């Protein structure tokens, strides 16, 4: 096609368009179109605003959840730190894991053993829990080290639950109390250790929750069942000491419970039945264990560890006032904040604080009358301090104190990390345990002096106990067993019977020494 054709066609089209009649612009259509655009714009803005609001509310709710439940992470932080920063500490932690290990080896869940001998000093609940975890995860060190902290997390949750029941109209108390508890010095130090105190604290709180409910309505039999369950678990955790933590506020119930004041006889009869229920729980283990462990073991668990301690409870190896120092130290940094002590003021119509003070002060007085006084014996009373302190804090301040708790815990762990870099070797039982295993593998007989507390047993996964030979019998022993190696855990040398030192390891400011009558190199 030629260019002329394209030109002529374009001219015809233009002419046809020009010949058509022009139509005016419809203003109403334009307005309708504009209104539609405006409505669409408003709808888009509304949807965007809703999405932004939803995102903001989600972020706010997550932040609130973290602040209200973040204490759980803080409670477990020292345990996680401990897995990487420190060994199991002798003599307590190594002893208890050694007892659990011997229970595992023997398959005897009735009678705990320490270095092959029945161990009557502690009930079996902690050892059962360790063995239950080993049955699920295999034998390891991390699970036993988590049992105490997990019990501590349960205790912190029960502390919050008790706060909600005492002050249902003040939810901020239940939110703050666990933060104060897990941020306290005593809780950070003892709460992550392989010991019995957090188990005892959780059991005590369970019993006291039931006791508070019973105080509101003494006829509530389910509340008394909680008291029995808490007492029973406490007895299985650490023995009769749980009675000091629970029965004293129960006996003082007329000071905080209108129902107990109105009918004291009924109250004390129900308390007696609840205590009998707790005793039935411990007896379900103790009676078969006594039959299996023999007369000496039965006497130990029924007399030495119960009545024996009561009859010797006024020897006072430490001054009676020592808990006046222990408790404020355990409660750091909160004991340095005067406004938190306002929670000790009890006015009329405030049975909750009266209940907590009966628990706290009554138990501290009772502990002061017992001969053996250790700081961690007062750990079960820290929840009472936490609730009393939280009740004195305005609702707007609890987040700030939660931040302080986090900073205090993290700061203490940072300091402990530095300290263990310098002293950790004094508490590490793995090197001497590995040597002990190597010597046994070479056919040598390992012996020790009386008083061995399983310091090396679990670290070396030893399957046989170490014979404990008194000093006066060592000479004859080495004459009869010249291939023996003596393990001592003090700087006092053995008798002059011609022994030479094979190896030495630092141990709690002293040394673990391996001695032999022959020149046996490790």
Foldseek 3Di string as FASTA:
>chain_A
DDPVVVVVVVVVVVVVVVPDDDDDDDVVVVVVVVVVVVVVVVVVVVVVVVVVVVVVVVVVVVVVCCLQPVLLVLLCVLLVLCVPQFDAFPDPRLLVVLQLLLCVLVVDQQFTDFLRATDQQAFRPLSVQQVVVCVVVNDDDSRLLCPLSVLLSLLLLLLLVLLCVQCVPQNLLSRQLSLLLSLFQLCSVPSRHNALLSQLLNLLSQLVSLLVVCLAPVVPVVSLLSNLRSLLSNCNRGRPLSCLLHVQLQVVSVQQGPVCVVPVVSSVVSVVVSPVSSVVSNCVSLVVSDVVNDDVSNCCNPPCNPVVQVVQFQVAPDALCCVVVLVLNRSPPVSVPVLLVVLCDDDPPNSPSVSLCSSQVSSSNVQSSGRDDDSSSNSSNSSSSSSSSSVRDDSVCSSVSSVVSSVSSVVVSVVVSVVCVPCNQQGDLQVVLVVVLVLVVVVAAEAEAPPDSSSNCVSNVDSHGHHHDHLVCVLVVCVVRQRYKYKYDFQDDGPPNQWDWQDWGRHPNGIITIIHNDPDHD
